[in-house]
Amino acid sequence: AGVSEQDRAALSSYGLDLGEAFQLRDDVLGVFGDPAQTGKPAGDDLREGKRTVLVALAMDHADPPVVALFEKLLGLEDLDQPGVDELRAAITASGALERVELMIQDLTASARRAVLSTTGLTEQGRMALAALIDVSTARSA
């Protein structure tokens, strides 16, 4: 599209950081999202056994009983609401949810800096890409 090498690198960084932040937000919503907003049952990612960053961080910092809880419940298709609540509590208690939220913040800030550093885009183009960051990462569905 005729952009400079500097802008190409900035836009690449923007896209990669925004994509990762979007996926992390999706992972959080897959565990903690409101079904009325997401259109999916609460804890659906836990029933599907998805090994997301959220789950990995929780298990990395868990003691053996919590690891055993994940091994027992994660991926159960008939996981009931109390089981979902137990896993959610373990994720929250481990600090994994807080760490993922910080990762999302860092990635969105990096994406914002990258797009705003471009020189070959119009102001309208930069603002549209910056707005996409909020739409993609501050969502509830």
N, C-alpha and C. Protein backbone atom coordinates (compact mmCIF):
# COMPACT_ATOMS: atom_id res chain seq x y z
N ALA A 1 0.82 -1.19 0.00
CA ALA A 1 0.00 0.00 0.00
C ALA A 1 0.86 1.25 0.00
N GLY A 2 2.15 1.09 -0.16
CA GLY A 2 3.03 2.23 -0.27
C GLY A 2 3.42 2.89 1.03
N VAL A 3 3.22 2.23 2.16
CA VAL A 3 3.64 2.83 3.43
C VAL A 3 5.14 2.63 3.62
N SER A 4 5.70 3.45 4.45
CA SER A 4 7.13 3.35 4.75
C SER A 4 7.42 2.08 5.54
N GLU A 5 8.67 1.69 5.56
CA GLU A 5 9.07 0.52 6.35
C GLU A 5 8.75 0.73 7.83
N GLN A 6 8.94 1.95 8.31
CA GLN A 6 8.64 2.27 9.72
C GLN A 6 7.14 2.09 10.00
N ASP A 7 6.30 2.59 9.10
CA ASP A 7 4.86 2.44 9.30
C ASP A 7 4.44 0.98 9.17
N ARG A 8 5.05 0.25 8.24
CA ARG A 8 4.71 -1.16 8.09
C ARG A 8 5.02 -1.91 9.38
N ALA A 9 6.18 -1.63 9.98
CA ALA A 9 6.55 -2.28 11.24
C ALA A 9 5.59 -1.88 12.36
N ALA A 10 5.22 -0.60 12.39
CA ALA A 10 4.29 -0.13 13.44
C ALA A 10 2.92 -0.78 13.28
N LEU A 11 2.45 -0.88 12.05
CA LEU A 11 1.14 -1.49 11.81
C LEU A 11 1.16 -2.99 12.09
N SER A 12 2.29 -3.63 11.82
CA SER A 12 2.43 -5.04 12.16
C SER A 12 2.36 -5.24 13.67
N SER A 13 3.09 -4.40 14.40
CA SER A 13 3.07 -4.47 15.86
C SER A 13 1.66 -4.21 16.39
N TYR A 14 1.00 -3.22 15.82
CA TYR A 14 -0.38 -2.90 16.19
C TYR A 14 -1.27 -4.13 16.03
N GLY A 15 -1.20 -4.75 14.87
CA GLY A 15 -2.06 -5.90 14.58
C GLY A 15 -1.78 -7.09 15.48
N LEU A 16 -0.51 -7.37 15.69
CA LEU A 16 -0.16 -8.51 16.54
C LEU A 16 -0.59 -8.28 17.98
N ASP A 17 -0.30 -7.09 18.50
CA ASP A 17 -0.68 -6.78 19.89
C ASP A 17 -2.19 -6.76 20.07
N LEU A 18 -2.90 -6.15 19.12
CA LEU A 18 -4.35 -6.09 19.21
C LEU A 18 -4.96 -7.49 19.10
N GLY A 19 -4.43 -8.31 18.21
CA GLY A 19 -4.94 -9.67 18.07
C GLY A 19 -4.78 -10.48 19.34
N GLU A 20 -3.62 -10.34 19.97
CA GLU A 20 -3.40 -11.07 21.22
C GLU A 20 -4.30 -10.56 22.33
N ALA A 21 -4.45 -9.24 22.44
CA ALA A 21 -5.33 -8.66 23.46
C ALA A 21 -6.78 -9.10 23.23
N PHE A 22 -7.20 -9.14 21.97
CA PHE A 22 -8.55 -9.59 21.63
C PHE A 22 -8.75 -11.03 22.10
N GLN A 23 -7.78 -11.90 21.82
CA GLN A 23 -7.90 -13.31 22.21
C GLN A 23 -7.93 -13.46 23.73
N LEU A 24 -7.10 -12.69 24.43
CA LEU A 24 -7.12 -12.76 25.89
C LEU A 24 -8.47 -12.31 26.45
N ARG A 25 -9.05 -11.26 25.85
CA ARG A 25 -10.38 -10.81 26.30
C ARG A 25 -11.41 -11.90 26.03
N ASP A 26 -11.30 -12.55 24.87
CA ASP A 26 -12.21 -13.63 24.54
C ASP A 26 -12.10 -14.76 25.56
N ASP A 27 -10.87 -15.07 25.98
CA ASP A 27 -10.65 -16.10 26.99
C ASP A 27 -11.30 -15.73 28.32
N VAL A 28 -11.16 -14.48 28.73
CA VAL A 28 -11.78 -14.02 29.98
C VAL A 28 -13.30 -14.14 29.87
N LEU A 29 -13.85 -13.71 28.74
CA LEU A 29 -15.30 -13.79 28.57
C LEU A 29 -15.78 -15.24 28.51
N GLY A 30 -14.96 -16.14 28.00
CA GLY A 30 -15.33 -17.55 27.93
C GLY A 30 -15.45 -18.20 29.29
N VAL A 31 -14.85 -17.59 30.31
CA VAL A 31 -14.93 -18.12 31.67
C VAL A 31 -15.85 -17.26 32.56
N PHE A 32 -15.72 -15.95 32.44
CA PHE A 32 -16.42 -15.04 33.36
C PHE A 32 -17.54 -14.23 32.70
N GLY A 33 -17.74 -14.39 31.40
CA GLY A 33 -18.73 -13.58 30.69
C GLY A 33 -20.15 -13.85 31.09
N ASP A 34 -20.98 -12.85 30.93
CA ASP A 34 -22.41 -12.95 31.19
C ASP A 34 -23.08 -13.57 29.98
N PRO A 35 -23.75 -14.71 30.14
CA PRO A 35 -24.39 -15.37 29.00
C PRO A 35 -25.36 -14.46 28.23
N ALA A 36 -25.99 -13.53 28.92
CA ALA A 36 -26.90 -12.61 28.25
C ALA A 36 -26.14 -11.70 27.29
N GLN A 37 -24.87 -11.45 27.59
CA GLN A 37 -24.04 -10.59 26.74
C GLN A 37 -23.28 -11.39 25.68
N THR A 38 -22.74 -12.55 26.09
CA THR A 38 -21.88 -13.32 25.18
C THR A 38 -22.64 -14.24 24.25
N GLY A 39 -23.85 -14.62 24.67
CA GLY A 39 -24.62 -15.58 23.88
C GLY A 39 -24.17 -17.01 24.07
N LYS A 40 -23.24 -17.24 25.00
CA LYS A 40 -22.75 -18.58 25.30
C LYS A 40 -23.03 -18.90 26.77
N PRO A 41 -23.22 -20.17 27.10
CA PRO A 41 -23.42 -20.52 28.51
C PRO A 41 -22.21 -20.10 29.36
N ALA A 42 -22.48 -19.72 30.60
CA ALA A 42 -21.42 -19.33 31.52
C ALA A 42 -20.42 -20.46 31.69
N GLY A 43 -19.14 -20.14 31.57
CA GLY A 43 -18.10 -21.15 31.77
C GLY A 43 -17.95 -22.11 30.62
N ASP A 44 -18.44 -21.76 29.45
CA ASP A 44 -18.41 -22.67 28.30
C ASP A 44 -16.98 -23.12 27.96
N ASP A 45 -16.01 -22.22 28.06
CA ASP A 45 -14.63 -22.59 27.77
C ASP A 45 -14.11 -23.63 28.75
N LEU A 46 -14.61 -23.60 29.98
CA LEU A 46 -14.20 -24.59 30.98
C LEU A 46 -14.77 -25.96 30.63
N ARG A 47 -16.01 -25.99 30.17
CA ARG A 47 -16.63 -27.25 29.75
C ARG A 47 -15.91 -27.83 28.54
N GLU A 48 -15.47 -26.96 27.65
CA GLU A 48 -14.77 -27.40 26.45
C GLU A 48 -13.33 -27.81 26.74
N GLY A 49 -12.85 -27.49 27.94
CA GLY A 49 -11.49 -27.86 28.31
C GLY A 49 -10.41 -27.03 27.65
N LYS A 50 -10.75 -25.81 27.29
CA LYS A 50 -9.78 -24.95 26.60
C LYS A 50 -8.63 -24.61 27.54
N ARG A 51 -7.43 -24.85 27.07
CA ARG A 51 -6.21 -24.55 27.84
C ARG A 51 -5.74 -23.16 27.46
N THR A 52 -6.48 -22.17 27.94
CA THR A 52 -6.19 -20.78 27.64
C THR A 52 -5.05 -20.27 28.52
N VAL A 53 -4.59 -19.07 28.21
CA VAL A 53 -3.58 -18.42 29.05
C VAL A 53 -4.12 -18.29 30.47
N LEU A 54 -5.38 -17.96 30.59
CA LEU A 54 -6.02 -17.81 31.91
C LEU A 54 -5.90 -19.10 32.71
N VAL A 55 -6.23 -20.21 32.11
CA VAL A 55 -6.15 -21.51 32.78
C VAL A 55 -4.69 -21.87 33.06
N ALA A 56 -3.82 -21.65 32.09
CA ALA A 56 -2.40 -21.98 32.26
C ALA A 56 -1.79 -21.20 33.42
N LEU A 57 -2.08 -19.92 33.51
CA LEU A 57 -1.55 -19.11 34.61
C LEU A 57 -2.09 -19.58 35.95
N ALA A 58 -3.37 -19.93 35.99
CA ALA A 58 -3.97 -20.41 37.24
C ALA A 58 -3.30 -21.71 37.68
N MET A 59 -3.08 -22.62 36.74
CA MET A 59 -2.48 -23.91 37.09
C MET A 59 -1.00 -23.78 37.43
N ASP A 60 -0.31 -22.85 36.78
CA ASP A 60 1.11 -22.64 37.06
C ASP A 60 1.36 -22.19 38.49
N HIS A 61 0.40 -21.48 39.06
CA HIS A 61 0.57 -20.94 40.40
C HIS A 61 -0.30 -21.64 41.44
N ALA A 62 -0.77 -22.83 41.09
CA ALA A 62 -1.69 -23.54 41.97
C ALA A 62 -0.96 -24.60 42.79
N ASP A 63 -1.52 -24.85 43.96
CA ASP A 63 -0.99 -25.94 44.77
C ASP A 63 -1.63 -27.25 44.28
N PRO A 64 -1.10 -28.39 44.70
CA PRO A 64 -1.60 -29.68 44.19
C PRO A 64 -3.11 -29.88 44.26
N PRO A 65 -3.79 -29.50 45.34
CA PRO A 65 -5.25 -29.70 45.35
C PRO A 65 -5.98 -28.90 44.25
N VAL A 66 -5.49 -27.72 43.95
CA VAL A 66 -6.12 -26.90 42.91
C VAL A 66 -5.83 -27.50 41.54
N VAL A 67 -4.61 -27.96 41.33
CA VAL A 67 -4.27 -28.63 40.07
C VAL A 67 -5.18 -29.84 39.89
N ALA A 68 -5.39 -30.59 40.96
CA ALA A 68 -6.27 -31.77 40.91
C ALA A 68 -7.71 -31.36 40.58
N LEU A 69 -8.15 -30.22 41.10
CA LEU A 69 -9.48 -29.71 40.80
C LEU A 69 -9.61 -29.44 39.29
N PHE A 70 -8.60 -28.78 38.72
CA PHE A 70 -8.62 -28.51 37.28
C PHE A 70 -8.60 -29.81 36.48
N GLU A 71 -7.76 -30.74 36.90
CA GLU A 71 -7.68 -32.01 36.17
C GLU A 71 -9.00 -32.77 36.23
N LYS A 72 -9.71 -32.62 37.33
CA LYS A 72 -10.99 -33.32 37.51
C LYS A 72 -12.13 -32.65 36.73
N LEU A 73 -12.19 -31.31 36.75
CA LEU A 73 -13.35 -30.60 36.23
C LEU A 73 -13.19 -30.01 34.82
N LEU A 74 -11.97 -29.57 34.48
CA LEU A 74 -11.76 -28.92 33.19
C LEU A 74 -12.03 -29.89 32.05
N GLY A 75 -12.96 -29.52 31.18
CA GLY A 75 -13.28 -30.34 30.04
C GLY A 75 -14.48 -31.25 30.23
N LEU A 76 -15.11 -31.20 31.40
CA LEU A 76 -16.32 -32.00 31.61
C LEU A 76 -17.48 -31.36 30.85
N GLU A 77 -18.04 -32.08 29.91
CA GLU A 77 -19.14 -31.53 29.11
C GLU A 77 -20.36 -31.22 29.97
N ASP A 78 -20.56 -32.00 31.04
CA ASP A 78 -21.72 -31.78 31.91
C ASP A 78 -21.34 -31.01 33.18
N LEU A 79 -20.28 -30.21 33.09
CA LEU A 79 -19.85 -29.40 34.23
C LEU A 79 -21.00 -28.49 34.65
N ASP A 80 -21.42 -28.62 35.92
CA ASP A 80 -22.54 -27.83 36.40
C ASP A 80 -22.07 -26.48 36.93
N GLN A 81 -23.03 -25.63 37.27
CA GLN A 81 -22.70 -24.27 37.71
C GLN A 81 -21.81 -24.25 38.97
N PRO A 82 -22.05 -25.12 39.96
CA PRO A 82 -21.13 -25.14 41.10
C PRO A 82 -19.69 -25.47 40.69
N GLY A 83 -19.52 -26.37 39.72
CA GLY A 83 -18.18 -26.69 39.22
C GLY A 83 -17.55 -25.51 38.51
N VAL A 84 -18.35 -24.83 37.70
CA VAL A 84 -17.87 -23.61 37.03
C VAL A 84 -17.44 -22.59 38.08
N ASP A 85 -18.27 -22.42 39.10
CA ASP A 85 -17.96 -21.46 40.15
C ASP A 85 -16.67 -21.82 40.89
N GLU A 86 -16.45 -23.12 41.12
CA GLU A 86 -15.21 -23.56 41.78
C GLU A 86 -13.98 -23.21 40.94
N LEU A 87 -14.07 -23.49 39.65
CA LEU A 87 -12.94 -23.18 38.77
C LEU A 87 -12.73 -21.68 38.65
N ARG A 88 -13.80 -20.93 38.55
CA ARG A 88 -13.68 -19.47 38.50
C ARG A 88 -12.99 -18.95 39.76
N ALA A 89 -13.41 -19.47 40.90
CA ALA A 89 -12.82 -19.03 42.18
C ALA A 89 -11.33 -19.37 42.22
N ALA A 90 -10.97 -20.53 41.72
CA ALA A 90 -9.56 -20.93 41.71
C ALA A 90 -8.75 -20.02 40.78
N ILE A 91 -9.32 -19.68 39.65
CA ILE A 91 -8.64 -18.79 38.71
C ILE A 91 -8.44 -17.42 39.34
N THR A 92 -9.48 -16.91 39.96
CA THR A 92 -9.39 -15.59 40.59
C THR A 92 -8.41 -15.61 41.75
N ALA A 93 -8.50 -16.63 42.61
CA ALA A 93 -7.62 -16.72 43.78
C ALA A 93 -6.15 -16.84 43.39
N SER A 94 -5.90 -17.46 42.24
CA SER A 94 -4.51 -17.63 41.80
C SER A 94 -3.89 -16.33 41.30
N GLY A 95 -4.72 -15.33 41.04
CA GLY A 95 -4.23 -14.08 40.48
C GLY A 95 -4.18 -14.09 38.96
N ALA A 96 -4.60 -15.21 38.35
CA ALA A 96 -4.52 -15.33 36.90
C ALA A 96 -5.40 -14.31 36.19
N LEU A 97 -6.61 -14.08 36.70
CA LEU A 97 -7.50 -13.12 36.06
C LEU A 97 -6.87 -11.73 36.09
N GLU A 98 -6.33 -11.35 37.21
CA GLU A 98 -5.68 -10.04 37.33
C GLU A 98 -4.48 -9.94 36.38
N ARG A 99 -3.69 -10.99 36.29
CA ARG A 99 -2.53 -10.97 35.39
C ARG A 99 -2.96 -10.86 33.93
N VAL A 100 -4.01 -11.58 33.55
CA VAL A 100 -4.49 -11.49 32.16
C VAL A 100 -5.03 -10.10 31.88
N GLU A 101 -5.74 -9.51 32.82
CA GLU A 101 -6.23 -8.14 32.63
C GLU A 101 -5.06 -7.16 32.44
N LEU A 102 -3.98 -7.35 33.19
CA LEU A 102 -2.79 -6.50 33.01
C LEU A 102 -2.15 -6.74 31.65
N MET A 103 -2.12 -7.98 31.21
CA MET A 103 -1.59 -8.29 29.88
C MET A 103 -2.41 -7.57 28.81
N ILE A 104 -3.73 -7.60 28.95
CA ILE A 104 -4.61 -6.92 28.00
C ILE A 104 -4.31 -5.42 28.00
N GLN A 105 -4.17 -4.83 29.17
CA GLN A 105 -3.86 -3.40 29.26
C GLN A 105 -2.53 -3.08 28.58
N ASP A 106 -1.51 -3.89 28.86
CA ASP A 106 -0.19 -3.65 28.26
C ASP A 106 -0.24 -3.78 26.74
N LEU A 107 -0.92 -4.81 26.25
CA LEU A 107 -1.00 -5.02 24.81
C LEU A 107 -1.81 -3.92 24.12
N THR A 108 -2.89 -3.47 24.75
CA THR A 108 -3.67 -2.39 24.13
C THR A 108 -2.87 -1.09 24.13
N ALA A 109 -2.13 -0.83 25.19
CA ALA A 109 -1.30 0.38 25.23
C ALA A 109 -0.22 0.32 24.15
N SER A 110 0.38 -0.84 23.97
CA SER A 110 1.39 -1.02 22.94
C SER A 110 0.80 -0.84 21.55
N ALA A 111 -0.38 -1.42 21.31
CA ALA A 111 -1.05 -1.27 20.02
C ALA A 111 -1.37 0.19 19.75
N ARG A 112 -1.84 0.89 20.78
CA ARG A 112 -2.18 2.30 20.63
C ARG A 112 -0.94 3.13 20.29
N ARG A 113 0.16 2.87 21.01
CA ARG A 113 1.41 3.60 20.71
C ARG A 113 1.86 3.33 19.28
N ALA A 114 1.74 2.07 18.86
CA ALA A 114 2.20 1.70 17.52
C ALA A 114 1.40 2.43 16.44
N VAL A 115 0.08 2.42 16.55
CA VAL A 115 -0.72 3.06 15.50
C VAL A 115 -0.55 4.57 15.53
N LEU A 116 -0.42 5.14 16.70
CA LEU A 116 -0.25 6.59 16.79
C LEU A 116 1.14 7.05 16.33
N SER A 117 2.09 6.12 16.25
CA SER A 117 3.44 6.47 15.80
C SER A 117 3.56 6.52 14.28
N THR A 118 2.54 6.06 13.58
CA THR A 118 2.62 6.06 12.12
C THR A 118 2.61 7.49 11.59
N THR A 119 3.27 7.69 10.47
CA THR A 119 3.32 9.02 9.86
C THR A 119 2.65 9.05 8.49
N GLY A 120 2.42 7.90 7.90
CA GLY A 120 1.86 7.85 6.56
C GLY A 120 0.35 7.66 6.52
N LEU A 121 -0.28 7.54 7.67
CA LEU A 121 -1.73 7.40 7.72
C LEU A 121 -2.36 8.77 7.97
N THR A 122 -3.58 8.92 7.52
CA THR A 122 -4.31 10.14 7.85
C THR A 122 -4.69 10.12 9.33
N GLU A 123 -5.00 11.28 9.85
CA GLU A 123 -5.46 11.35 11.25
C GLU A 123 -6.73 10.52 11.41
N GLN A 124 -7.61 10.57 10.42
CA GLN A 124 -8.84 9.79 10.46
C GLN A 124 -8.52 8.29 10.48
N GLY A 125 -7.54 7.85 9.72
CA GLY A 125 -7.14 6.45 9.70
C GLY A 125 -6.56 6.01 11.03
N ARG A 126 -5.70 6.84 11.61
CA ARG A 126 -5.12 6.51 12.92
C ARG A 126 -6.20 6.42 13.99
N MET A 127 -7.15 7.35 13.96
CA MET A 127 -8.21 7.36 14.97
C MET A 127 -9.14 6.16 14.79
N ALA A 128 -9.39 5.76 13.56
CA ALA A 128 -10.24 4.59 13.32
C ALA A 128 -9.56 3.33 13.86
N LEU A 129 -8.26 3.20 13.61
CA LEU A 129 -7.54 2.03 14.13
C LEU A 129 -7.45 2.07 15.65
N ALA A 130 -7.29 3.27 16.21
CA ALA A 130 -7.25 3.39 17.67
C ALA A 130 -8.61 3.03 18.28
N ALA A 131 -9.69 3.43 17.62
CA ALA A 131 -11.03 3.09 18.12
C ALA A 131 -11.27 1.58 18.09
N LEU A 132 -10.70 0.92 17.11
CA LEU A 132 -10.84 -0.53 16.99
C LEU A 132 -10.23 -1.24 18.21
N ILE A 133 -9.22 -0.65 18.81
CA ILE A 133 -8.61 -1.23 20.01
C ILE A 133 -9.66 -1.33 21.12
N ASP A 134 -10.38 -0.25 21.35
CA ASP A 134 -11.38 -0.25 22.42
C ASP A 134 -12.52 -1.21 22.12
N VAL A 135 -12.98 -1.22 20.90
CA VAL A 135 -14.06 -2.10 20.50
C VAL A 135 -13.66 -3.57 20.70
N SER A 136 -12.40 -3.86 20.44
CA SER A 136 -11.92 -5.25 20.48
C SER A 136 -11.57 -5.74 21.87
N THR A 137 -11.19 -4.84 22.75
CA THR A 137 -10.67 -5.30 24.03
C THR A 137 -11.49 -4.89 25.25
N ALA A 138 -12.34 -3.90 25.11
CA ALA A 138 -13.16 -3.45 26.25
C ALA A 138 -14.58 -3.97 26.09
N ARG A 139 -14.71 -5.08 25.40
CA ARG A 139 -16.03 -5.62 25.09
C ARG A 139 -16.52 -6.56 26.18
N SER A 140 -17.82 -6.78 26.18
CA SER A 140 -18.40 -7.72 27.14
C SER A 140 -19.09 -8.88 26.43
N ALA A 141 -18.96 -8.91 25.12
CA ALA A 141 -19.57 -10.00 24.34
C ALA A 141 -18.66 -10.38 23.19
